[in-house]
């Protein structure tokens, strides 16, 4: 009778070990998937940050344009991967916005003051 009890106990231990390995595998694969998604999220953030720096450089360059240059570029136009729109809100105030050309989402927007020309 004692021998039979030991066989049943060793079979139960083996079953418990197999269940523990399965649980460990499930938890491990979930952790690996989470880590992989975190790495992809960080890459997307780096890409978005790089794009915003590029958009910022373009907007900085546009902010240095003279009144004549701004008047020449009124309206919407494609500027590389972005769409740039320049409107004149008042005779001395220009509104400039840069949008993603594919989605149309506004990335940066600013207003620029230029003194009126003396005539």
PDB file of N, CA and C in Angstrom:
ATOM      1  N   UNK A   1       0.812  -1.187   0.000  1.00  0.00           N
ATOM      2  CA  UNK A   1       0.000   0.000   0.000  1.00  0.00           C
ATOM      3  C   UNK A   1       0.859   1.256   0.000  1.00  0.00           C
ATOM      4  N   UNK A   2       1.974   1.246   0.710  1.00  0.00           N
ATOM      5  CA  UNK A   2       2.861   2.395   0.775  1.00  0.00           C
ATOM      6  C   UNK A   2       3.500   2.707  -0.569  1.00  0.00           C
ATOM      7  N   UNK A   3       3.795   1.627  -1.326  1.00  0.00           N
ATOM      8  CA  UNK A   3       4.410   1.800  -2.626  1.00  0.00           C
ATOM      9  C   UNK A   3       3.445   2.467  -3.613  1.00  0.00           C
ATOM     10  N   UNK A   4       2.207   2.113  -3.567  1.00  0.00           N
ATOM     11  CA  UNK A   4       1.193   2.668  -4.445  1.00  0.00           C
ATOM     12  C   UNK A   4       0.972   4.153  -4.139  1.00  0.00           C
ATOM     13  N   UNK A   5       1.010   4.522  -2.890  1.00  0.00           N
ATOM     14  CA  UNK A   5       0.841   5.914  -2.470  1.00  0.00           C
ATOM     15  C   UNK A   5       1.985   6.773  -3.004  1.00  0.00           C
ATOM     16  N   UNK A   6       3.202   6.232  -2.991  1.00  0.00           N
ATOM     17  CA  UNK A   6       4.349   6.979  -3.511  1.00  0.00           C
ATOM     18  C   UNK A   6       4.233   7.203  -5.015  1.00  0.00           C
ATOM     19  N   UNK A   7       3.732   6.228  -5.758  1.00  0.00           N
ATOM     20  CA  UNK A   7       3.559   6.388  -7.200  1.00  0.00           C
ATOM     21  C   UNK A   7       2.528   7.479  -7.504  1.00  0.00           C
ATOM     22  N   UNK A   8       1.432   7.482  -6.799  1.00  0.00           N
ATOM     23  CA  UNK A   8       0.407   8.506  -6.993  1.00  0.00           C
ATOM     24  C   UNK A   8       0.951   9.891  -6.640  1.00  0.00           C
ATOM     25  N   UNK A   9       1.751   9.958  -5.577  1.00  0.00           N
ATOM     26  CA  UNK A   9       2.323  11.239  -5.160  1.00  0.00           C
ATOM     27  C   UNK A   9       3.317  11.739  -6.196  1.00  0.00           C
ATOM     28  N   UNK A  10       4.135  10.843  -6.748  1.00  0.00           N
ATOM     29  CA  UNK A  10       5.106  11.289  -7.745  1.00  0.00           C
ATOM     30  C   UNK A  10       4.397  11.709  -9.036  1.00  0.00           C
ATOM     31  N   UNK A  11       3.318  11.055  -9.385  1.00  0.00           N
ATOM     32  CA  UNK A  11       2.526  11.471 -10.547  1.00  0.00           C
ATOM     33  C   UNK A  11       1.884  12.827 -10.336  1.00  0.00           C
ATOM     34  N   UNK A  12       1.427  13.108  -9.128  1.00  0.00           N
ATOM     35  CA  UNK A  12       0.828  14.408  -8.814  1.00  0.00           C
ATOM     36  C   UNK A  12       1.886  15.502  -8.856  1.00  0.00           C
ATOM     37  N   UNK A  13       3.084  15.187  -8.373  1.00  0.00           N
ATOM     38  CA  UNK A  13       4.183  16.162  -8.403  1.00  0.00           C
ATOM     39  C   UNK A  13       4.544  16.488  -9.856  1.00  0.00           C
ATOM     40  N   UNK A  14       4.605  15.478 -10.697  1.00  0.00           N
ATOM     41  CA  UNK A  14       4.902  15.695 -12.117  1.00  0.00           C
ATOM     42  C   UNK A  14       3.825  16.557 -12.765  1.00  0.00           C
ATOM     43  N   UNK A  15       2.567  16.292 -12.468  1.00  0.00           N
ATOM     44  CA  UNK A  15       1.461  17.079 -13.008  1.00  0.00           C
ATOM     45  C   UNK A  15       1.551  18.528 -12.527  1.00  0.00           C
ATOM     46  N   UNK A  16       1.847  18.716 -11.258  1.00  0.00           N
ATOM     47  CA  UNK A  16       2.000  20.082 -10.727  1.00  0.00           C
ATOM     48  C   UNK A  16       3.162  20.808 -11.386  1.00  0.00           C
ATOM     49  N   UNK A  17       4.259  20.074 -11.631  1.00  0.00           N
ATOM     50  CA  UNK A  17       5.420  20.682 -12.292  1.00  0.00           C
ATOM     51  C   UNK A  17       5.072  21.103 -13.716  1.00  0.00           C
ATOM     52  N   UNK A  18       4.328  20.258 -14.435  1.00  0.00           N
ATOM     53  CA  UNK A  18       3.913  20.594 -15.799  1.00  0.00           C
ATOM     54  C   UNK A  18       2.988  21.806 -15.810  1.00  0.00           C
ATOM     55  N   UNK A  19       2.065  21.865 -14.875  1.00  0.00           N
ATOM     56  CA  UNK A  19       1.153  23.015 -14.788  1.00  0.00           C
ATOM     57  C   UNK A  19       1.946  24.281 -14.470  1.00  0.00           C
ATOM     58  N   UNK A  20       2.908  24.173 -13.572  1.00  0.00           N
ATOM     59  CA  UNK A  20       3.740  25.338 -13.233  1.00  0.00           C
ATOM     60  C   UNK A  20       4.526  25.824 -14.441  1.00  0.00           C
ATOM     61  N   UNK A  21       5.045  24.892 -15.242  1.00  0.00           N
ATOM     62  CA  UNK A  21       5.770  25.279 -16.457  1.00  0.00           C
ATOM     63  C   UNK A  21       4.854  25.967 -17.467  1.00  0.00           C
ATOM     64  N   UNK A  22       3.645  25.468 -17.612  1.00  0.00           N
ATOM     65  CA  UNK A  22       2.688  26.097 -18.532  1.00  0.00           C
ATOM     66  C   UNK A  22       2.358  27.509 -18.069  1.00  0.00           C
ATOM     67  N   UNK A  23       2.095  27.674 -16.771  1.00  0.00           N
ATOM     68  CA  UNK A  23       1.803  29.001 -16.230  1.00  0.00           C
ATOM     69  C   UNK A  23       2.999  29.926 -16.431  1.00  0.00           C
ATOM     70  N   UNK A  24       4.197  29.426 -16.172  1.00  0.00           N
ATOM     71  CA  UNK A  24       5.409  30.216 -16.363  1.00  0.00           C
ATOM     72  C   UNK A  24       5.581  30.616 -17.829  1.00  0.00           C
ATOM     73  N   UNK A  25       5.284  29.711 -18.749  1.00  0.00           N
ATOM     74  CA  UNK A  25       5.384  30.020 -20.177  1.00  0.00           C
ATOM     75  C   UNK A  25       4.385  31.096 -20.579  1.00  0.00           C
ATOM     76  N   UNK A  26       3.167  31.003 -20.059  1.00  0.00           N
ATOM     77  CA  UNK A  26       2.142  32.012 -20.378  1.00  0.00           C
ATOM     78  C   UNK A  26       2.556  33.378 -19.851  1.00  0.00           C
ATOM     79  N   UNK A  27       3.009  33.420 -18.610  1.00  0.00           N
ATOM     80  CA  UNK A  27       3.433  34.693 -18.012  1.00  0.00           C
ATOM     81  C   UNK A  27       4.654  35.242 -18.746  1.00  0.00           C
ATOM     82  N   UNK A  28       5.578  34.363 -19.106  1.00  0.00           N
ATOM     83  CA  UNK A  28       6.771  34.795 -19.836  1.00  0.00           C
ATOM     84  C   UNK A  28       6.445  35.367 -21.202  1.00  0.00           C
ATOM     85  N   UNK A  29       5.529  34.729 -21.925  1.00  0.00           N
ATOM     86  CA  UNK A  29       5.169  35.241 -23.252  1.00  0.00           C
ATOM     87  C   UNK A  29       4.411  36.565 -23.131  1.00  0.00           C
ATOM     88  N   UNK A  30       3.593  36.700 -22.102  1.00  0.00           N
ATOM     89  CA  UNK A  30       2.903  37.977 -21.888  1.00  0.00           C
ATOM     90  C   UNK A  30       3.905  39.081 -21.563  1.00  0.00           C
ATOM     91  N   UNK A  31       4.898  38.770 -20.755  1.00  0.00           N
ATOM     92  CA  UNK A  31       5.930  39.758 -20.415  1.00  0.00           C
ATOM     93  C   UNK A  31       6.745  40.133 -21.651  1.00  0.00           C
ATOM     94  N   UNK A  32       7.075  39.152 -22.484  1.00  0.00           N
ATOM     95  CA  UNK A  32       7.820  39.434 -23.711  1.00  0.00           C
ATOM     96  C   UNK A  32       6.994  40.290 -24.662  1.00  0.00           C
ATOM     97  N   UNK A  33       5.711  40.006 -24.775  1.00  0.00           N
ATOM     98  CA  UNK A  33       4.841  40.828 -25.627  1.00  0.00           C
ATOM     99  C   UNK A  33       4.735  42.252 -25.129  1.00  0.00           C
ATOM    100  N   UNK A  34       4.630  42.414 -23.818  1.00  0.00           N
ATOM    101  CA  UNK A  34       4.563  43.757 -23.232  1.00  0.00           C
ATOM    102  C   UNK A  34       5.859  44.512 -23.480  1.00  0.00           C
ATOM    103  N   UNK A  35       6.985  43.858 -23.298  1.00  0.00           N
ATOM    104  CA  UNK A  35       8.284  44.502 -23.537  1.00  0.00           C
ATOM    105  C   UNK A  35       8.437  44.891 -25.004  1.00  0.00           C
ATOM    106  N   UNK A  36       8.003  44.019 -25.884  1.00  0.00           N
ATOM    107  CA  UNK A  36       8.087  44.308 -27.318  1.00  0.00           C
ATOM    108  C   UNK A  36       7.226  45.519 -27.686  1.00  0.00           C
ATOM    109  N   UNK A  37       6.024  45.581 -27.150  1.00  0.00           N
ATOM    110  CA  UNK A  37       5.148  46.727 -27.421  1.00  0.00           C
ATOM    111  C   UNK A  37       5.725  48.012 -26.840  1.00  0.00           C
ATOM    112  N   UNK A  38       6.357  47.926 -25.682  1.00  0.00           N
ATOM    113  CA  UNK A  38       6.984  49.104 -25.084  1.00  0.00           C
ATOM    114  C   UNK A  38       8.124  49.620 -25.960  1.00  0.00           C
ATOM    115  N   UNK A  39       8.894  48.714 -26.528  1.00  0.00           N
ATOM    116  CA  UNK A  39       9.984  49.116 -27.425  1.00  0.00           C
ATOM    117  C   UNK A  39       9.420  49.802 -28.669  1.00  0.00           C
ATOM    118  N   UNK A  40       8.338  49.259 -29.229  1.00  0.00           N
ATOM    119  CA  UNK A  40       7.717  49.890 -30.402  1.00  0.00           C
ATOM    120  C   UNK A  40       7.143  51.253 -30.054  1.00  0.00           C
ATOM    121  N   UNK A  41       6.563  51.396 -28.857  1.00  0.00           N
ATOM    122  CA  UNK A  41       6.007  52.683 -28.431  1.00  0.00           C
ATOM    123  C   UNK A  41       7.105  53.723 -28.293  1.00  0.00           C
ATOM    124  N   UNK A  42       8.238  53.335 -27.744  1.00  0.00           N
ATOM    125  CA  UNK A  42       9.369  54.260 -27.612  1.00  0.00           C
ATOM    126  C   UNK A  42       9.866  54.677 -28.994  1.00  0.00           C
ATOM    127  N   UNK A  43       9.928  53.757 -29.927  1.00  0.00           N
ATOM    128  CA  UNK A  43      10.357  54.088 -31.296  1.00  0.00           C
ATOM    129  C   UNK A  43       9.389  55.072 -31.944  1.00  0.00           C
ATOM    130  N   UNK A  44       8.066  54.875 -31.730  1.00  0.00           N
ATOM    131  CA  UNK A  44       7.079  55.811 -32.284  1.00  0.00           C
ATOM    132  C   UNK A  44       7.238  57.204 -31.674  1.00  0.00           C
ATOM    133  N   UNK A  45       7.510  57.260 -30.382  1.00  0.00           N
ATOM    134  CA  UNK A  45       7.693  58.553 -29.715  1.00  0.00           C
ATOM    135  C   UNK A  45       8.934  59.254 -30.261  1.00  0.00           C
ATOM    136  N   UNK A  46      10.022  58.513 -30.460  1.00  0.00           N
ATOM    137  CA  UNK A  46      11.235  59.105 -31.026  1.00  0.00           C
ATOM    138  C   UNK A  46      10.982  59.638 -32.438  1.00  0.00           C
ATOM    139  N   UNK A  47      10.222  58.897 -33.219  1.00  0.00           N
ATOM    140  CA  UNK A  47       9.913  59.332 -34.575  1.00  0.00           C
ATOM    141  C   UNK A  47       9.049  60.599 -34.548  1.00  0.00           C
ATOM    142  N   UNK A  48       8.053  60.638 -33.683  1.00  0.00           N
ATOM    143  CA  UNK A  48       7.191  61.823 -33.576  1.00  0.00           C
ATOM    144  C   UNK A  48       7.983  63.032 -33.093  1.00  0.00           C
ATOM    145  N   UNK A  49       8.894  62.810 -32.152  1.00  0.00           N
ATOM    146  CA  UNK A  49       9.722  63.908 -31.653  1.00  0.00           C
ATOM    147  C   UNK A  49      10.634  64.450 -32.748  1.00  0.00           C
ATOM    148  N   UNK A  50      11.193  63.569 -33.540  1.00  0.00           N
ATOM    149  CA  UNK A  50      12.040  63.985 -34.653  1.00  0.00           C
ATOM    150  C   UNK A  50      11.239  64.795 -35.673  1.00  0.00           C
ATOM    151  N   UNK A  51      10.020  64.349 -35.950  1.00  0.00           N
ATOM    152  CA  UNK A  51       9.168  65.077 -36.891  1.00  0.00           C
ATOM    153  C   UNK A  51       8.819  66.465 -36.351  1.00  0.00           C
ATOM    154  N   UNK A  52       8.524  66.547 -35.047  1.00  0.00           N
ATOM    155  CA  UNK A  52       8.184  67.852 -34.466  1.00  0.00           C
ATOM    156  C   UNK A  52       9.388  68.805 -34.499  1.00  0.00           C
ATOM    157  N   UNK A  53      10.596  68.272 -34.322  1.00  0.00           N
ATOM    158  CA  UNK A  53      11.782  69.126 -34.438  1.00  0.00           C
ATOM    159  C   UNK A  53      11.922  69.659 -35.860  1.00  0.00           C
ATOM    160  N   UNK A  54      11.665  68.804 -36.849  1.00  0.00           N
ATOM    161  CA  UNK A  54      11.749  69.242 -38.246  1.00  0.00           C
ATOM    162  C   UNK A  54      10.686  70.292 -38.557  1.00  0.00           C
ATOM    163  N   UNK A  55       9.467  70.063 -38.078  1.00  0.00           N
ATOM    164  CA  UNK A  55       8.387  71.034 -38.282  1.00  0.00           C
ATOM    165  C   UNK A  55       8.745  72.355 -37.597  1.00  0.00           C
ATOM    166  N   UNK A  56       9.331  72.278 -36.410  1.00  0.00           N
ATOM    167  CA  UNK A  56       9.735  73.474 -35.685  1.00  0.00           C
ATOM    168  C   UNK A  56      10.797  74.264 -36.436  1.00  0.00           C
ATOM    169  N   UNK A  57      11.738  73.559 -37.057  1.00  0.00           N
ATOM    170  CA  UNK A  57      12.768  74.253 -37.850  1.00  0.00           C
ATOM    171  C   UNK A  57      12.145  74.970 -39.041  1.00  0.00           C
ATOM    172  N   UNK A  58      11.191  74.312 -39.719  1.00  0.00           N
ATOM    173  CA  UNK A  58      10.524  74.951 -40.853  1.00  0.00           C
ATOM    174  C   UNK A  58       9.740  76.174 -40.393  1.00  0.00           C
ATOM    175  N   UNK A  59       9.018  76.051 -39.297  1.00  0.00           N
ATOM    176  CA  UNK A  59       8.236  77.178 -38.798  1.00  0.00           C
ATOM    177  C   UNK A  59       9.156  78.328 -38.354  1.00  0.00           C
ATOM    178  N   UNK A  60      10.296  78.008 -37.800  1.00  0.00           N
ATOM    179  CA  UNK A  60      11.273  79.039 -37.431  1.00  0.00           C
ATOM    180  C   UNK A  60      11.764  79.770 -38.676  1.00  0.00           C
ATOM    181  N   UNK A  61      12.037  79.019 -39.731  1.00  0.00           N
ATOM    182  CA  UNK A  61      12.480  79.639 -40.983  1.00  0.00           C
ATOM    183  C   UNK A  61      11.395  80.544 -41.550  1.00  0.00           C
ATOM    184  N   UNK A  62      10.143  80.090 -41.521  1.00  0.00           N
ATOM    185  CA  UNK A  62       9.026  80.895 -42.036  1.00  0.00           C
ATOM    186  C   UNK A  62       8.850  82.158 -41.193  1.00  0.00           C
ATOM    187  N   UNK A  63       9.081  82.053 -39.896  1.00  0.00           N
ATOM    188  CA  UNK A  63       8.905  83.222 -39.029  1.00  0.00           C
ATOM    189  C   UNK A  63       9.922  84.319 -39.326  1.00  0.00           C
ATOM    190  N   UNK A  64      10.987  83.986 -40.035  1.00  0.00           N
ATOM    191  CA  UNK A  64      11.997  84.981 -40.407  1.00  0.00           C
ATOM    192  C   UNK A  64      11.700  85.633 -41.758  1.00  0.00           C
ATOM    193  N   UNK A  65      10.681  85.170 -42.453  1.00  0.00           N
ATOM    194  CA  UNK A  65      10.345  85.726 -43.750  1.00  0.00           C
ATOM    195  C   UNK A  65       9.863  87.160 -43.605  1.00  0.00           C
ATOM    196  N   UNK A  66      10.120  87.926 -44.623  1.00  0.00           N
ATOM    197  CA  UNK A  66       9.638  89.313 -44.650  1.00  0.00           C
ATOM    198  C   UNK A  66       8.147  89.338 -44.984  1.00  0.00           C
ATOM    199  N   UNK A  67       7.575  90.512 -44.874  1.00  0.00           N
ATOM    200  CA  UNK A  67       6.168  90.696 -45.204  1.00  0.00           C
ATOM    201  C   UNK A  67       5.896  90.304 -46.660  1.00  0.00           C
ATOM    202  N   UNK A  68       6.811  90.676 -47.545  1.00  0.00           N
ATOM    203  CA  UNK A  68       6.652  90.363 -48.968  1.00  0.00           C
ATOM    204  C   UNK A  68       6.671  88.846 -49.202  1.00  0.00           C
ATOM    205  N   UNK A  69       7.569  88.159 -48.511  1.00  0.00           N
ATOM    206  CA  UNK A  69       7.624  86.700 -48.650  1.00  0.00           C
ATOM    207  C   UNK A  69       6.334  86.050 -48.149  1.00  0.00           C
ATOM    208  N   UNK A  70       5.835  86.528 -47.021  1.00  0.00           N
ATOM    209  CA  UNK A  70       4.588  85.982 -46.486  1.00  0.00           C
ATOM    210  C   UNK A  70       3.427  86.231 -47.448  1.00  0.00           C
ATOM    211  N   UNK A  71       3.359  87.440 -48.011  1.00  0.00           N
ATOM    212  CA  UNK A  71       2.306  87.746 -48.988  1.00  0.00           C
ATOM    213  C   UNK A  71       2.408  86.845 -50.215  1.00  0.00           C
ATOM    214  N   UNK A  72       3.627  86.556 -50.640  1.00  0.00           N
ATOM    215  CA  UNK A  72       3.842  85.704 -51.807  1.00  0.00           C
ATOM    216  C   UNK A  72       3.392  84.265 -51.549  1.00  0.00           C
ATOM    217  N   UNK A  73       3.411  83.837 -50.291  1.00  0.00           N
ATOM    218  CA  UNK A  73       3.078  82.456 -49.948  1.00  0.00           C
ATOM    219  C   UNK A  73       1.691  82.308 -49.321  1.00  0.00           C
ATOM    220  N   UNK A  74       0.827  83.304 -49.458  1.00  0.00           N
ATOM    221  CA  UNK A  74      -0.525  83.201 -48.887  1.00  0.00           C
ATOM    222  C   UNK A  74      -1.254  81.991 -49.458  1.00  0.00           C
ATOM    223  N   UNK A  75      -2.047  81.343 -48.617  1.00  0.00           N
ATOM    224  CA  UNK A  75      -2.809  80.172 -49.043  1.00  0.00           C
ATOM    225  C   UNK A  75      -2.144  78.890 -48.583  1.00  0.00           C
ATOM    226  N   UNK A  76      -2.576  77.786 -49.158  1.00  0.00           N
ATOM    227  CA  UNK A  76      -2.043  76.476 -48.782  1.00  0.00           C
ATOM    228  C   UNK A  76      -1.085  75.980 -49.846  1.00  0.00           C
ATOM    229  N   UNK A  77      -0.056  75.297 -49.391  1.00  0.00           N
ATOM    230  CA  UNK A  77       0.909  74.694 -50.312  1.00  0.00           C
ATOM    231  C   UNK A  77       1.583  73.527 -49.626  1.00  0.00           C
ATOM    232  N   UNK A  78       2.081  72.637 -50.428  1.00  0.00           N
ATOM    233  CA  UNK A  78       2.798  71.465 -49.917  1.00  0.00           C
ATOM    234  C   UNK A  78       4.236  71.875 -49.626  1.00  0.00           C
ATOM    235  N   UNK A  79       4.726  71.526 -48.471  1.00  0.00           N
ATOM    236  CA  UNK A  79       6.088  71.829 -48.052  1.00  0.00           C
ATOM    237  C   UNK A  79       6.704  70.525 -47.569  1.00  0.00           C
ATOM    238  N   UNK A  80       7.256  69.741 -48.487  1.00  0.00           N
ATOM    239  CA  UNK A  80       7.786  68.425 -48.117  1.00  0.00           C
ATOM    240  C   UNK A  80       6.639  67.509 -47.687  1.00  0.00           C
ATOM    241  N   UNK A  81       6.775  66.853 -46.539  1.00  0.00           N
ATOM    242  CA  UNK A  81       5.706  65.950 -46.074  1.00  0.00           C
ATOM    243  C   UNK A  81       4.574  66.678 -45.357  1.00  0.00           C
ATOM    244  N   UNK A  82       4.633  68.013 -45.341  1.00  0.00           N
ATOM    245  CA  UNK A  82       3.636  68.790 -44.603  1.00  0.00           C
ATOM    246  C   UNK A  82       2.870  69.717 -45.531  1.00  0.00           C
ATOM    247  N   UNK A  83       1.776  70.201 -45.026  1.00  0.00           N
ATOM    248  CA  UNK A  83       0.984  71.196 -45.721  1.00  0.00           C
ATOM    249  C   UNK A  83       1.101  72.496 -44.917  1.00  0.00           C
ATOM    250  N   UNK A  84       1.499  73.561 -45.582  1.00  0.00           N
ATOM    251  CA  UNK A  84       1.659  74.855 -44.914  1.00  0.00           C
ATOM    252  C   UNK A  84       0.551  75.795 -45.375  1.00  0.00           C
ATOM    253  N   UNK A  85      -0.076  76.461 -44.427  1.00  0.00           N
ATOM    254  CA  UNK A  85      -1.121  77.426 -44.752  1.00  0.00           C
ATOM    255  C   UNK A  85      -0.754  78.753 -44.109  1.00  0.00           C
ATOM    256  N   UNK A  86      -0.761  79.802 -44.930  1.00  0.00           N
ATOM    257  CA  UNK A  86      -0.505  81.164 -44.447  1.00  0.00           C
ATOM    258  C   UNK A  86      -1.720  82.007 -44.786  1.00  0.00           C
ATOM    259  N   UNK A  87      -2.298  82.614 -43.767  1.00  0.00           N
ATOM    260  CA  UNK A  87      -3.441  83.514 -43.929  1.00  0.00           C
ATOM    261  C   UNK A  87      -3.071  84.860 -43.330  1.00  0.00           C
ATOM    262  N   UNK A  88      -3.672  85.917 -43.889  1.00  0.00           N
ATOM    263  CA  UNK A  88      -3.483  87.242 -43.308  1.00  0.00           C
ATOM    264  C   UNK A  88      -4.766  87.591 -42.568  1.00  0.00           C
ATOM    265  N   UNK A  89      -4.703  87.550 -41.230  1.00  0.00           N
ATOM    266  CA  UNK A  89      -5.872  87.824 -40.402  1.00  0.00           C
ATOM    267  C   UNK A  89      -6.203  89.315 -40.396  1.00  0.00           C
ATOM    268  N   UNK A  90      -5.173  90.131 -40.339  1.00  0.00           N
ATOM    269  CA  UNK A  90      -5.298  91.588 -40.391  1.00  0.00           C
ATOM    270  C   UNK A  90      -4.182  92.101 -41.287  1.00  0.00           C
ATOM    271  N   UNK A  91      -4.147  93.389 -41.500  1.00  0.00           N
ATOM    272  CA  UNK A  91      -3.114  93.920 -42.388  1.00  0.00           C
ATOM    273  C   UNK A  91      -1.710  93.710 -41.837  1.00  0.00           C
ATOM    274  N   UNK A  92      -1.578  93.537 -40.526  1.00  0.00           N
ATOM    275  CA  UNK A  92      -0.258  93.353 -39.916  1.00  0.00           C
ATOM    276  C   UNK A  92      -0.076  91.982 -39.273  1.00  0.00           C
ATOM    277  N   UNK A  93      -1.069  91.117 -39.360  1.00  0.00           N
ATOM    278  CA  UNK A  93      -1.014  89.830 -38.661  1.00  0.00           C
ATOM    279  C   UNK A  93      -1.187  88.664 -39.626  1.00  0.00           C
ATOM    280  N   UNK A  94      -0.231  87.754 -39.609  1.00  0.00           N
ATOM    281  CA  UNK A  94      -0.264  86.554 -40.443  1.00  0.00           C
ATOM    282  C   UNK A  94      -0.409  85.333 -39.538  1.00  0.00           C
ATOM    283  N   UNK A  95      -1.217  84.391 -39.960  1.00  0.00           N
ATOM    284  CA  UNK A  95      -1.367  83.132 -39.237  1.00  0.00           C
ATOM    285  C   UNK A  95      -0.762  82.023 -40.088  1.00  0.00           C
ATOM    286  N   UNK A  96       0.156  81.275 -39.489  1.00  0.00           N
ATOM    287  CA  UNK A  96       0.866  80.212 -40.199  1.00  0.00           C
ATOM    288  C   UNK A  96       0.587  78.902 -39.475  1.00  0.00           C
ATOM    289  N   UNK A  97       0.190  77.891 -40.234  1.00  0.00           N
ATOM    290  CA  UNK A  97      -0.004  76.569 -39.631  1.00  0.00           C
ATOM    291  C   UNK A  97       0.649  75.516 -40.516  1.00  0.00           C
ATOM    292  N   UNK A  98       1.221  74.516 -39.855  1.00  0.00           N
ATOM    293  CA  UNK A  98       1.823  73.377 -40.549  1.00  0.00           C
ATOM    294  C   UNK A  98       1.061  72.126 -40.132  1.00  0.00           C
ATOM    295  N   UNK A  99       0.598  71.381 -41.127  1.00  0.00           N
ATOM    296  CA  UNK A  99      -0.205  70.180 -40.889  1.00  0.00           C
ATOM    297  C   UNK A  99       0.457  68.982 -41.540  1.00  0.00           C
ATOM    298  N   UNK A 100       0.134  67.816 -41.033  1.00  0.00           N
ATOM    299  CA  UNK A 100       0.558  66.582 -41.670  1.00  0.00           C
ATOM    300  C   UNK A 100      -0.218  66.458 -42.981  1.00  0.00           C
ATOM    301  N   UNK A 101       0.485  66.288 -44.080  1.00  0.00           N
ATOM    302  CA  UNK A 101      -0.174  66.252 -45.393  1.00  0.00           C
ATOM    303  C   UNK A 101      -1.102  65.048 -45.531  1.00  0.00           C
ATOM    304  N   UNK A 102      -0.759  63.934 -44.911  1.00  0.00           N
ATOM    305  CA  UNK A 102      -1.572  62.726 -45.053  1.00  0.00           C
ATOM    306  C   UNK A 102      -2.846  62.792 -44.219  1.00  0.00           C
ATOM    307  N   UNK A 103      -2.711  63.173 -42.947  1.00  0.00           N
ATOM    308  CA  UNK A 103      -3.877  63.148 -42.056  1.00  0.00           C
ATOM    309  C   UNK A 103      -4.587  64.489 -41.935  1.00  0.00           C
ATOM    310  N   UNK A 104      -3.895  65.567 -42.251  1.00  0.00           N
ATOM    311  CA  UNK A 104      -4.480  66.898 -42.114  1.00  0.00           C
ATOM    312  C   UNK A 104      -4.423  67.432 -40.689  1.00  0.00           C
ATOM    313  N   UNK A 105      -3.830  66.685 -39.776  1.00  0.00           N
ATOM    314  CA  UNK A 105      -3.728  67.114 -38.378  1.00  0.00           C
ATOM    315  C   UNK A 105      -2.733  68.270 -38.259  1.00  0.00           C
ATOM    316  N   UNK A 106      -3.163  69.361 -37.597  1.00  0.00           N
ATOM    317  CA  UNK A 106      -2.295  70.517 -37.413  1.00  0.00           C
ATOM    318  C   UNK A 106      -1.208  70.153 -36.409  1.00  0.00           C
ATOM    319  N   UNK A 107       0.050  70.355 -36.821  1.00  0.00           N
ATOM    320  CA  UNK A 107       1.183  70.034 -35.963  1.00  0.00           C
ATOM    321  C   UNK A 107       1.648  71.258 -35.181  1.00  0.00           C
ATOM    322  N   UNK A 108       1.788  72.380 -35.867  1.00  0.00           N
ATOM    323  CA  UNK A 108       2.185  73.638 -35.219  1.00  0.00           C
ATOM    324  C   UNK A 108       1.444  74.790 -35.863  1.00  0.00           C
ATOM    325  N   UNK A 109       1.172  75.803 -35.056  1.00  0.00           N
ATOM    326  CA  UNK A 109       0.470  76.986 -35.543  1.00  0.00           C
ATOM    327  C   UNK A 109       1.018  78.192 -34.793  1.00  0.00           C
ATOM    328  N   UNK A 110       1.168  79.300 -35.511  1.00  0.00           N
ATOM    329  CA  UNK A 110       1.624  80.525 -34.861  1.00  0.00           C
ATOM    330  C   UNK A 110       1.072  81.732 -35.601  1.00  0.00           C
ATOM    331  N   UNK A 111       1.198  82.887 -34.968  1.00  0.00           N
ATOM    332  CA  UNK A 111       0.828  84.155 -35.587  1.00  0.00           C
ATOM    333  C   UNK A 111       2.079  85.014 -35.677  1.00  0.00           C
ATOM    334  N   UNK A 112       2.202  85.723 -36.785  1.00  0.00           N
ATOM    335  CA  UNK A 112       3.377  86.565 -37.010  1.00  0.00           C
ATOM    336  C   UNK A 112       2.930  88.004 -37.256  1.00  0.00           C
ATOM    337  N   UNK A 113       3.614  88.932 -36.602  1.00  0.00           N
ATOM    338  CA  UNK A 113       3.312  90.344 -36.784  1.00  0.00           C
ATOM    339  C   UNK A 113       4.343  90.942 -37.726  1.00  0.00           C
ATOM    340  N   UNK A 114       3.854  91.673 -38.701  1.00  0.00           N
ATOM    341  CA  UNK A 114       4.728  92.432 -39.600  1.00  0.00           C
ATOM    342  C   UNK A 114       4.143  93.831 -39.718  1.00  0.00           C
ATOM    343  N   UNK A 115       4.971  94.844 -39.504  1.00  0.00           N
ATOM    344  CA  UNK A 115       4.488  96.221 -39.585  1.00  0.00           C
ATOM    345  C   UNK A 115       3.966  96.515 -40.978  1.00  0.00           C
ATOM    346  N   UNK A 116       2.953  97.373 -40.996  1.00  0.00           N
ATOM    347  CA  UNK A 116       2.377  97.798 -42.278  1.00  0.00           C
ATOM    348  C   UNK A 116       3.378  98.656 -43.021  1.00  0.00           C
ATOM    349  N   UNK A 117       3.326  98.555 -44.329  1.00  0.00           N
ATOM    350  CA  UNK A 117       4.223  99.354 -45.148  1.00  0.00           C
ATOM    351  C   UNK A 117       3.757 100.801 -45.165  1.00  0.00           C
ATOM    352  N   UNK A 118       4.686 101.729 -45.100  1.00  0.00           N
ATOM    353  CA  UNK A 118       4.356 103.149 -45.221  1.00  0.00           C
ATOM    354  C   UNK A 118       4.230 103.488 -46.691  1.00  0.00           C
ATOM    355  N   UNK A 119       3.120 104.112 -47.022  1.00  0.00           N
ATOM    356  CA  UNK A 119       2.904 104.473 -48.441  1.00  0.00           C
ATOM    357  C   UNK A 119       2.680 105.938 -48.549  1.00  0.00           C
TER     358      UNK A 119
END
